Amino acid sequence: MQVERTNADDLLVDKLPDGSKVIVDPKNETVFALNATAGAAWDACSGPTTLSKVAEDMQRSLDPSVTEELALESILQLQEKNLVTTSGSFSNATRRQVFATLGAVALPLVVSLTMAEQRAHAQSAGSGDRATTTPVFTTTRRP
């Protein structure tokens, strides 16, 4: 399976100290939050790559116990959010197999909100200025 980032040049990426990431797609006005596991998979897709290579990169940067099944689950979640594209065939791993082989590595998690939803949540939580129309966080453009 080949894996490649989608529209990476248009995205704003902020890496957090715990390895998680916030990715903003200003074109689609969407904010993505990736936990450290999904963030490691995102990093591994900095150029066209394969599932095996993603797993190897995740093992180096995250945890040696990362399996290809966990890398696949990460890629599938990134693909569901249109952050990566894939071509070729997937392995026969099921989500149940992924959960059974995890060990100490956290499950990948990718969540998204539109910027309007993010602002509404921030306002209801009392963070930021209610009159502002910009997100309450800042991001920097990174490859």
Protein backbone atom coordinates (compact mmCIF):
# COMPACT_ATOMS: atom_id res chain seq x y z
CA MET A 1 0.00 0.00 0.00
CA GLN A 2 1.25 3.48 -0.91
CA VAL A 3 0.47 6.38 1.44
CA GLU A 4 0.79 10.10 0.80
CA ARG A 5 -0.36 13.29 2.54
CA THR A 6 -3.23 15.20 0.96
CA ASN A 7 -2.82 18.95 0.35
CA ALA A 8 -0.06 19.17 2.95
CA ASP A 9 1.13 22.55 1.66
CA ASP A 10 -2.27 24.09 2.46
CA LEU A 11 -2.37 22.85 6.07
CA LEU A 12 -1.16 24.59 9.22
CA VAL A 13 0.42 22.14 11.67
CA ASP A 14 1.24 22.69 15.33
CA LYS A 15 3.14 20.00 17.23
CA LEU A 16 2.39 19.85 20.94
CA PRO A 17 4.94 18.78 23.60
CA ASP A 18 3.35 15.34 24.08
CA GLY A 19 3.72 14.48 20.37
CA SER A 20 0.10 15.22 19.51
CA LYS A 21 -0.70 17.63 16.70
CA VAL A 22 -3.28 20.24 15.76
CA ILE A 23 -3.78 20.57 12.02
CA VAL A 24 -5.83 23.40 10.54
CA ASP A 25 -7.20 23.25 7.02
CA PRO A 26 -8.10 26.90 6.38
CA LYS A 27 -9.53 26.08 2.94
CA ASN A 28 -12.15 23.73 4.41
CA GLU A 29 -12.27 25.57 7.76
CA THR A 30 -11.57 22.38 9.69
CA VAL A 31 -9.43 21.73 12.75
CA PHE A 32 -8.00 18.23 13.32
CA ALA A 33 -6.59 16.96 16.61
CA LEU A 34 -4.24 13.97 16.41
CA ASN A 35 -3.02 12.14 19.48
CA ALA A 36 0.67 11.17 19.66
CA THR A 37 0.10 7.86 17.85
CA ALA A 38 -1.77 9.43 14.94
CA GLY A 39 0.77 12.28 14.99
CA ALA A 40 3.63 9.80 14.56
CA ALA A 41 1.83 8.27 11.58
CA TRP A 42 1.30 11.76 10.09
CA ASP A 43 5.01 12.50 10.51
CA ALA A 44 5.88 9.20 8.82
CA CYS A 45 3.88 10.30 5.76
CA SER A 46 5.98 13.40 5.09
CA GLY A 47 6.67 12.00 1.63
CA PRO A 48 5.16 9.18 -0.43
CA THR A 49 5.71 6.00 1.57
CA THR A 50 4.46 2.49 2.29
CA LEU A 51 2.62 1.00 5.24
CA SER A 52 5.74 -0.93 6.27
CA LYS A 53 7.82 2.25 6.25
CA VAL A 54 5.17 4.10 8.28
CA ALA A 55 5.30 1.32 10.89
CA GLU A 56 9.12 1.46 11.00
CA ASP A 57 9.11 5.25 11.42
CA MET A 58 6.48 5.01 14.16
CA GLN A 59 8.59 2.38 15.95
CA ARG A 60 11.60 4.73 15.91
CA SER A 61 9.75 7.86 16.95
CA LEU A 62 7.04 6.48 19.24
CA ASP A 63 7.52 2.97 20.54
CA PRO A 64 9.36 -0.16 19.32
CA SER A 65 6.20 -2.23 19.90
CA VAL A 66 4.25 -0.45 17.12
CA THR A 67 2.89 -3.04 14.70
CA GLU A 68 1.88 -2.74 11.06
CA GLU A 69 -1.71 -3.21 12.23
CA LEU A 70 -1.46 -0.13 14.46
CA ALA A 71 0.15 1.83 11.63
CA LEU A 72 -2.70 0.72 9.35
CA GLU A 73 -5.32 1.86 11.87
CA SER A 74 -3.56 5.24 12.07
CA ILE A 75 -3.47 5.56 8.28
CA LEU A 76 -7.14 4.57 7.98
CA GLN A 77 -8.15 7.28 10.46
CA LEU A 78 -6.04 9.88 8.66
CA GLN A 79 -7.59 8.75 5.38
CA GLU A 80 -11.13 9.05 6.81
CA LYS A 81 -10.38 12.73 7.54
CA ASN A 82 -8.84 13.22 4.05
CA LEU A 83 -5.40 13.97 5.49
CA VAL A 84 -3.73 11.15 3.53
CA THR A 85 -4.51 9.17 0.40
CA THR A 86 -3.74 5.50 -0.13
CA SER A 87 -3.38 3.29 -3.15
CA GLY A 88 -2.89 -0.43 -3.42
CA SER A 89 -4.27 -3.12 -1.18
CA PHE A 90 -4.70 -3.13 2.58
CA SER A 91 -3.61 -6.00 4.79
CA ASN A 92 -6.30 -8.29 6.15
CA ALA A 93 -5.94 -6.85 9.64
CA THR A 94 -9.19 -6.11 11.42
CA ARG A 95 -9.72 -3.49 14.08
CA ARG A 96 -10.15 -6.32 16.58
CA GLN A 97 -6.66 -7.60 15.68
CA VAL A 98 -5.26 -4.11 16.11
CA PHE A 99 -6.76 -3.82 19.60
CA ALA A 100 -5.50 -7.29 20.55
CA THR A 101 -1.89 -6.54 19.61
CA LEU A 102 -1.46 -3.08 21.11
CA GLY A 103 0.56 -3.37 24.28
CA ALA A 104 1.65 0.00 25.70
CA VAL A 105 1.01 2.14 22.63
CA ALA A 106 -2.11 4.31 22.63
CA LEU A 107 -4.72 3.78 19.96
CA PRO A 108 -4.51 6.36 17.19
CA LEU A 109 -7.13 9.06 17.47
CA VAL A 110 -8.00 11.70 14.91
CA VAL A 111 -10.91 14.04 15.62
CA SER A 112 -12.07 17.03 13.65
CA LEU A 113 -14.25 20.08 14.12
CA THR A 114 -15.15 22.84 11.77
CA MET A 115 -13.77 26.20 12.85
CA ALA A 116 -17.33 27.30 13.64
CA GLU A 117 -17.79 24.27 15.93
CA GLN A 118 -14.42 24.96 17.55
CA ARG A 119 -15.37 28.59 18.23
CA ALA A 120 -18.74 27.52 19.67
CA HIS A 121 -17.06 25.04 22.02
CA ALA A 122 -14.48 27.63 23.08
CA GLN A 123 -17.20 30.19 23.76
CA SER A 124 -19.33 27.78 25.77
CA ALA A 125 -16.26 26.89 27.82
CA GLY A 126 -15.61 30.57 28.45
CA SER A 127 -12.26 30.67 26.69
CA GLY A 128 -11.32 33.45 24.32
CA ASP A 129 -13.17 36.63 23.52
CA ARG A 130 -16.79 35.93 22.56
CA ALA A 131 -16.68 38.75 20.01
CA THR A 132 -13.73 37.34 18.10
CA THR A 133 -14.14 35.23 14.97
CA THR A 134 -10.68 33.68 14.96
CA PRO A 135 -9.71 30.36 16.55
CA VAL A 136 -8.40 30.55 20.12
CA PHE A 137 -5.10 28.88 19.24
CA THR A 138 -2.28 29.84 16.94
CA THR A 139 -0.56 27.67 14.37
CA THR A 140 2.53 27.86 12.25
CA ARG A 141 2.95 26.52 8.72
CA ARG A 142 5.18 23.46 8.70
CA PRO A 143 5.93 20.90 6.02
